[in-house]
């Protein structure tokens, strides 16, 4: 028998968490949830746009490390977890029309089309458990906030109609922890890997750390330095610039939580997840 689905997701397995989300019982950010599970950003596009977007990801592996690409019209992703259904299993989505954000639904079953292709891109939430275990503060988790994210003056490599700025996420930490954070995150290339910048935010075009473009304001304390990672919200900036007629993404911070242990993010994922990894038994 399946394990009961908890109403509170704090200690849920990834499968239990997805069931809780599917039932409409949780619609918040997923930082710190699912234990050490690999989390993923989501982009869904019509098949006519898929080849260009695939090339965009391939040419920008730091902000867009691909975890999986779905077959047209298929919302399941067996390589990432048991019984995943992308129409229901993220806490909150974004609907884009002609590059304009028009809605943030909590379910997209009524928007699903037979030609849609899904892309799941690695997320920096996946290495936060490793940072915490090393004693490095993850302040947005402790404060119950979403991670702060910013558009930068760093440019992606364009592919077809897709291009635009790199988006970064910020984690402020004591300077003594920054080098250890770099070392740890180098082991998570499918979760954006090492930071792209440390220190002065103005050097990458960020003028006001207190007002991020996405997420919540950071908790920066005396002695901290800002550390910036490439972010899987980068495709949303590309969608806004490219203006495809239709697109769906995750809402920033509201991820697909997979059944893959984050330690496996150091290598490409192949084959379906064994049943005993996703059962939540």
Protein backbone atom coordinates (compact mmCIF):
# COMPACT_ATOMS: atom_id res chain seq x y z
CA UNK A 1 0.00 0.00 0.00
CA UNK A 2 1.30 3.54 -0.71
CA UNK A 3 2.36 5.61 2.25
CA UNK A 4 -0.26 8.15 3.38
CA UNK A 5 0.16 11.58 1.84
CA UNK A 6 1.07 14.14 4.51
CA UNK A 7 -0.70 17.47 4.75
CA UNK A 8 2.58 19.12 5.81
CA UNK A 9 5.42 18.59 3.29
CA UNK A 10 8.36 19.29 5.62
CA UNK A 11 9.36 15.65 6.15
CA UNK A 12 7.74 14.15 3.07
CA UNK A 13 9.55 11.93 0.61
CA UNK A 14 9.68 13.34 -2.93
CA UNK A 15 6.83 11.03 -4.01
CA UNK A 16 4.70 12.05 -1.02
CA UNK A 17 5.44 15.70 -1.69
CA UNK A 18 4.34 15.39 -5.32
CA UNK A 19 1.12 13.70 -4.20
CA UNK A 20 0.48 16.49 -1.70
CA UNK A 21 1.00 19.06 -4.44
CA UNK A 22 -1.18 17.09 -6.87
CA UNK A 23 -4.01 17.13 -4.34
CA UNK A 24 -3.77 20.91 -4.04
CA UNK A 25 -2.56 20.81 -0.43
CA UNK A 26 0.71 22.71 -0.99
CA UNK A 27 1.57 25.53 -3.40
CA UNK A 28 4.68 27.14 -1.87
CA UNK A 29 8.39 27.20 -2.74
CA UNK A 30 10.20 23.86 -2.52
CA UNK A 31 13.55 24.96 -1.04
CA UNK A 32 14.50 22.52 1.72
CA UNK A 33 11.79 20.00 0.84
CA UNK A 34 12.25 16.43 -0.33
CA UNK A 35 15.44 15.85 1.65
CA UNK A 36 18.45 15.61 -0.66
CA UNK A 37 16.33 15.11 -3.80
CA UNK A 38 17.32 16.63 -7.11
CA UNK A 39 14.93 19.45 -8.00
CA UNK A 40 14.19 20.84 -11.44
CA UNK A 41 12.98 23.95 -13.24
CA UNK A 42 10.35 23.44 -15.93
CA UNK A 43 9.84 24.79 -19.44
CA UNK A 44 7.03 23.54 -21.70
CA UNK A 45 6.82 24.67 -25.32
CA UNK A 46 5.01 23.65 -28.51
CA UNK A 47 6.98 21.16 -30.59
CA UNK A 48 7.70 23.81 -33.22
CA UNK A 49 9.81 25.69 -30.64
CA UNK A 50 11.48 22.64 -29.10
CA UNK A 51 14.54 22.28 -31.33
CA UNK A 52 15.65 25.87 -30.82
CA UNK A 53 15.09 25.67 -27.08
CA UNK A 54 17.01 22.39 -26.87
CA UNK A 55 19.96 24.06 -28.62
CA UNK A 56 19.64 27.02 -26.24
CA UNK A 57 20.05 24.67 -23.27
CA UNK A 58 22.93 22.83 -24.89
CA UNK A 59 24.75 26.10 -25.56
CA UNK A 60 24.15 27.39 -22.01
CA UNK A 61 24.79 24.42 -19.73
CA UNK A 62 25.54 26.48 -16.59
CA UNK A 63 22.12 28.17 -16.32
CA UNK A 64 20.29 25.41 -18.24
CA UNK A 65 21.65 21.94 -17.32
CA UNK A 66 19.16 19.52 -18.85
CA UNK A 67 17.86 16.72 -16.66
CA UNK A 68 15.19 15.37 -19.01
CA UNK A 69 13.25 16.13 -22.19
CA UNK A 70 9.75 14.72 -22.57
CA UNK A 71 8.19 13.18 -25.66
CA UNK A 72 5.65 15.44 -27.41
CA UNK A 73 2.35 15.36 -25.57
CA UNK A 74 3.65 13.15 -22.75
CA UNK A 75 3.55 14.74 -19.25
CA UNK A 76 5.37 11.83 -17.59
CA UNK A 77 9.12 11.66 -16.98
CA UNK A 78 10.01 8.14 -15.78
CA UNK A 79 13.75 8.92 -15.74
CA UNK A 80 13.15 11.41 -12.93
CA UNK A 81 10.62 9.71 -10.69
CA UNK A 82 7.70 7.44 -10.01
CA UNK A 83 4.39 8.49 -11.52
CA UNK A 84 5.47 12.06 -12.34
CA UNK A 85 2.78 14.06 -14.12
CA UNK A 86 3.97 17.53 -15.07
CA UNK A 87 0.40 18.78 -15.36
CA UNK A 88 -0.13 18.51 -11.59
CA UNK A 89 3.14 17.93 -9.70
CA UNK A 90 4.65 21.42 -9.35
CA UNK A 91 3.28 23.76 -6.68
CA UNK A 92 2.81 26.69 -9.06
CA UNK A 93 3.27 27.33 -12.76
CA UNK A 94 3.50 30.32 -15.07
CA UNK A 95 1.52 30.70 -18.31
CA UNK A 96 3.08 32.86 -21.01
CA UNK A 97 1.40 34.14 -24.17
CA UNK A 98 3.47 36.03 -26.76
CA UNK A 99 6.20 36.43 -24.15
CA UNK A 100 3.89 38.01 -21.57
CA UNK A 101 3.20 36.38 -18.20
CA UNK A 102 -0.60 36.10 -17.99
CA UNK A 103 -1.31 33.68 -15.12
CA UNK A 104 0.22 31.60 -12.31
CA UNK A 105 -1.99 28.49 -12.03
CA UNK A 106 -1.44 25.64 -9.59
CA UNK A 107 -2.45 23.00 -12.18
CA UNK A 108 -2.10 22.99 -15.97
CA UNK A 109 -4.26 20.01 -17.00
CA UNK A 110 -6.70 22.31 -18.78
CA UNK A 111 -3.82 23.93 -20.73
CA UNK A 112 -2.20 20.70 -21.90
CA UNK A 113 -1.88 20.09 -25.66
CA UNK A 114 -0.79 17.04 -27.63
CA UNK A 115 2.24 18.75 -29.17
CA UNK A 116 3.80 20.13 -25.98
CA UNK A 117 7.43 19.23 -25.21
CA UNK A 118 8.68 19.45 -21.63
CA UNK A 119 12.19 20.34 -20.49
CA UNK A 120 13.38 19.88 -16.91
CA UNK A 121 16.47 21.86 -15.98
CA UNK A 122 18.61 21.42 -12.88
CA UNK A 123 18.03 23.65 -9.84
CA UNK A 124 20.38 25.03 -7.20
CA UNK A 125 17.98 23.91 -4.44
CA UNK A 126 19.51 20.48 -5.11
CA UNK A 127 22.84 21.32 -3.45
CA UNK A 128 21.43 23.20 -0.46
CA UNK A 129 21.19 20.04 1.65
CA UNK A 130 24.93 19.51 1.09
CA UNK A 131 25.66 23.12 2.09
CA UNK A 132 23.60 22.74 5.26
CA UNK A 133 25.34 19.49 6.17
CA UNK A 134 28.67 21.33 5.85
CA UNK A 135 27.47 24.00 8.28
CA UNK A 136 27.06 26.68 5.61
CA UNK A 137 23.95 28.78 6.26
CA UNK A 138 21.11 28.66 3.74
CA UNK A 139 19.37 31.76 4.99
CA UNK A 140 16.27 31.81 2.78
CA UNK A 141 15.36 28.34 4.05
CA UNK A 142 15.83 29.35 7.68
CA UNK A 143 13.66 32.43 7.15
CA UNK A 144 10.95 30.56 5.23
CA UNK A 145 11.55 32.72 2.17
CA UNK A 146 12.03 32.09 -1.52
CA UNK A 147 15.60 32.42 -2.81
CA UNK A 148 16.40 35.88 -4.30
CA UNK A 149 17.03 35.86 -8.06
CA UNK A 150 18.32 38.62 -10.35
CA UNK A 151 18.70 39.39 -14.04
CA UNK A 152 22.34 40.20 -14.85
CA UNK A 153 24.39 41.78 -17.61
CA UNK A 154 25.84 38.36 -18.41
CA UNK A 155 24.58 37.21 -21.80
CA UNK A 156 23.50 33.72 -22.80
CA UNK A 157 24.52 32.24 -26.13
CA UNK A 158 21.46 32.58 -28.38
CA UNK A 159 19.89 29.71 -30.29
CA UNK A 160 17.28 30.55 -32.89
CA UNK A 161 14.85 32.98 -31.27
CA UNK A 162 15.97 32.19 -27.71
CA UNK A 163 18.51 34.39 -25.97
CA UNK A 164 18.81 37.04 -23.28
CA UNK A 165 20.44 37.61 -19.90
CA UNK A 166 21.63 35.03 -17.41
CA UNK A 167 19.54 35.01 -14.23
CA UNK A 168 21.37 34.23 -10.98
CA UNK A 169 20.33 33.15 -7.49
CA UNK A 170 21.96 34.61 -4.39
CA UNK A 171 23.05 32.99 -1.16
CA UNK A 172 24.85 35.31 1.25
CA UNK A 173 27.29 33.62 3.61
CA UNK A 174 30.32 34.33 5.78
CA UNK A 175 33.40 34.83 3.64
CA UNK A 176 35.08 31.85 5.28
CA UNK A 177 32.34 29.57 3.92
CA UNK A 178 32.46 30.77 0.32
CA UNK A 179 35.43 28.68 -0.79
CA UNK A 180 33.92 25.54 0.75
CA UNK A 181 30.63 26.32 -1.02
CA UNK A 182 32.49 26.53 -4.34
CA UNK A 183 34.15 23.17 -3.67
CA UNK A 184 30.89 21.48 -2.71
CA UNK A 185 28.89 22.82 -5.63
CA UNK A 186 31.52 21.81 -8.16
CA UNK A 187 30.23 18.29 -7.50
CA UNK A 188 26.72 19.22 -8.69
CA UNK A 189 27.11 20.17 -12.38
CA UNK A 190 23.47 19.33 -13.10
CA UNK A 191 22.44 21.77 -10.35
CA UNK A 192 24.40 24.68 -11.92
CA UNK A 193 27.75 23.70 -10.39
CA UNK A 194 30.10 26.35 -9.04
CA UNK A 195 29.01 29.96 -8.56
CA UNK A 196 29.37 32.34 -11.48
CA UNK A 197 30.26 35.34 -9.32
CA UNK A 198 31.27 36.28 -5.77
CA UNK A 199 31.31 39.73 -4.22
CA UNK A 200 30.42 43.04 -5.85
CA UNK A 201 27.01 42.57 -7.47
CA UNK A 202 27.37 45.67 -9.63
CA UNK A 203 30.03 43.89 -11.68
CA UNK A 204 27.29 41.65 -13.10
CA UNK A 205 24.74 44.42 -13.50
CA UNK A 206 22.80 44.08 -10.23
CA UNK A 207 22.16 47.50 -8.70
CA UNK A 208 19.95 46.71 -5.71
CA UNK A 209 20.28 43.43 -3.83
CA UNK A 210 17.30 44.28 -1.63
CA UNK A 211 14.91 44.19 -4.58
CA UNK A 212 15.41 40.96 -6.56
CA UNK A 213 13.69 40.43 -9.90
CA UNK A 214 12.25 37.13 -8.63
CA UNK A 215 11.85 35.62 -5.16
CA UNK A 216 12.27 37.37 -1.82
CA UNK A 217 14.77 39.88 -0.43
CA UNK A 218 18.00 38.35 0.87
CA UNK A 219 19.16 38.09 4.49
CA UNK A 220 22.66 39.60 4.36
CA UNK A 221 24.53 39.99 7.64
CA UNK A 222 27.77 41.73 8.66
CA UNK A 223 30.74 39.75 7.39
CA UNK A 224 28.74 38.06 4.62
CA UNK A 225 29.66 38.13 0.97
CA UNK A 226 27.08 37.58 -1.78
CA UNK A 227 27.61 34.39 -3.78
CA UNK A 228 25.76 34.02 -7.09
CA UNK A 229 24.87 30.86 -8.98
CA UNK A 230 23.47 30.58 -12.50
CA UNK A 231 19.73 30.01 -12.24
CA UNK A 232 17.14 27.97 -14.11
CA UNK A 233 14.86 31.01 -14.33
CA UNK A 234 17.15 32.13 -17.19
CA UNK A 235 14.81 30.49 -19.75
CA UNK A 236 11.96 32.69 -18.52
CA UNK A 237 13.96 35.76 -19.50
CA UNK A 238 14.57 34.09 -22.88
CA UNK A 239 10.85 33.37 -23.30
CA UNK A 240 10.00 37.00 -22.50
CA UNK A 241 12.46 38.10 -25.20
CA UNK A 242 11.54 35.48 -27.82
CA UNK A 243 7.78 35.91 -27.39
CA UNK A 244 6.59 32.43 -28.40
CA UNK A 245 2.81 32.29 -28.77
CA UNK A 246 2.49 29.83 -25.87
CA UNK A 247 4.77 28.62 -23.07
CA UNK A 248 4.46 27.22 -19.57
CA UNK A 249 7.17 27.36 -16.91
CA UNK A 250 7.43 26.78 -13.19
CA UNK A 251 6.89 29.80 -10.95
CA UNK A 252 10.34 30.79 -9.63
CA UNK A 253 11.18 28.72 -6.56
CA UNK A 254 8.32 26.24 -7.13
CA UNK A 255 10.14 23.21 -8.50
CA UNK A 256 9.60 19.66 -9.63
CA UNK A 257 11.02 17.52 -6.81
CA UNK A 258 12.35 14.30 -8.35
CA UNK A 259 13.14 10.90 -6.85
CA UNK A 260 16.83 11.23 -7.79
CA UNK A 261 19.23 11.70 -4.86
CA UNK A 262 21.13 14.93 -5.45
CA UNK A 263 24.45 13.08 -5.17
CA UNK A 264 23.61 11.50 -8.52
CA UNK A 265 23.46 14.95 -10.11
CA UNK A 266 27.15 14.61 -10.93
CA UNK A 267 26.39 12.42 -13.92
CA UNK A 268 23.77 12.24 -16.64
CA UNK A 269 20.56 10.44 -15.77
CA UNK A 270 19.80 7.37 -17.83
CA UNK A 271 16.92 4.91 -17.61
CA UNK A 272 13.85 4.96 -15.36
CA UNK A 273 14.17 5.36 -11.63
CA UNK A 274 13.95 1.96 -9.88
CA UNK A 275 10.57 1.48 -8.19
CA UNK A 276 12.06 1.30 -4.70
CA UNK A 277 13.58 4.79 -5.04
CA UNK A 278 10.29 6.59 -5.68
CA UNK A 279 7.77 4.65 -3.69
CA UNK A 280 7.86 6.58 -0.43
CA UNK A 281 7.16 3.28 1.35
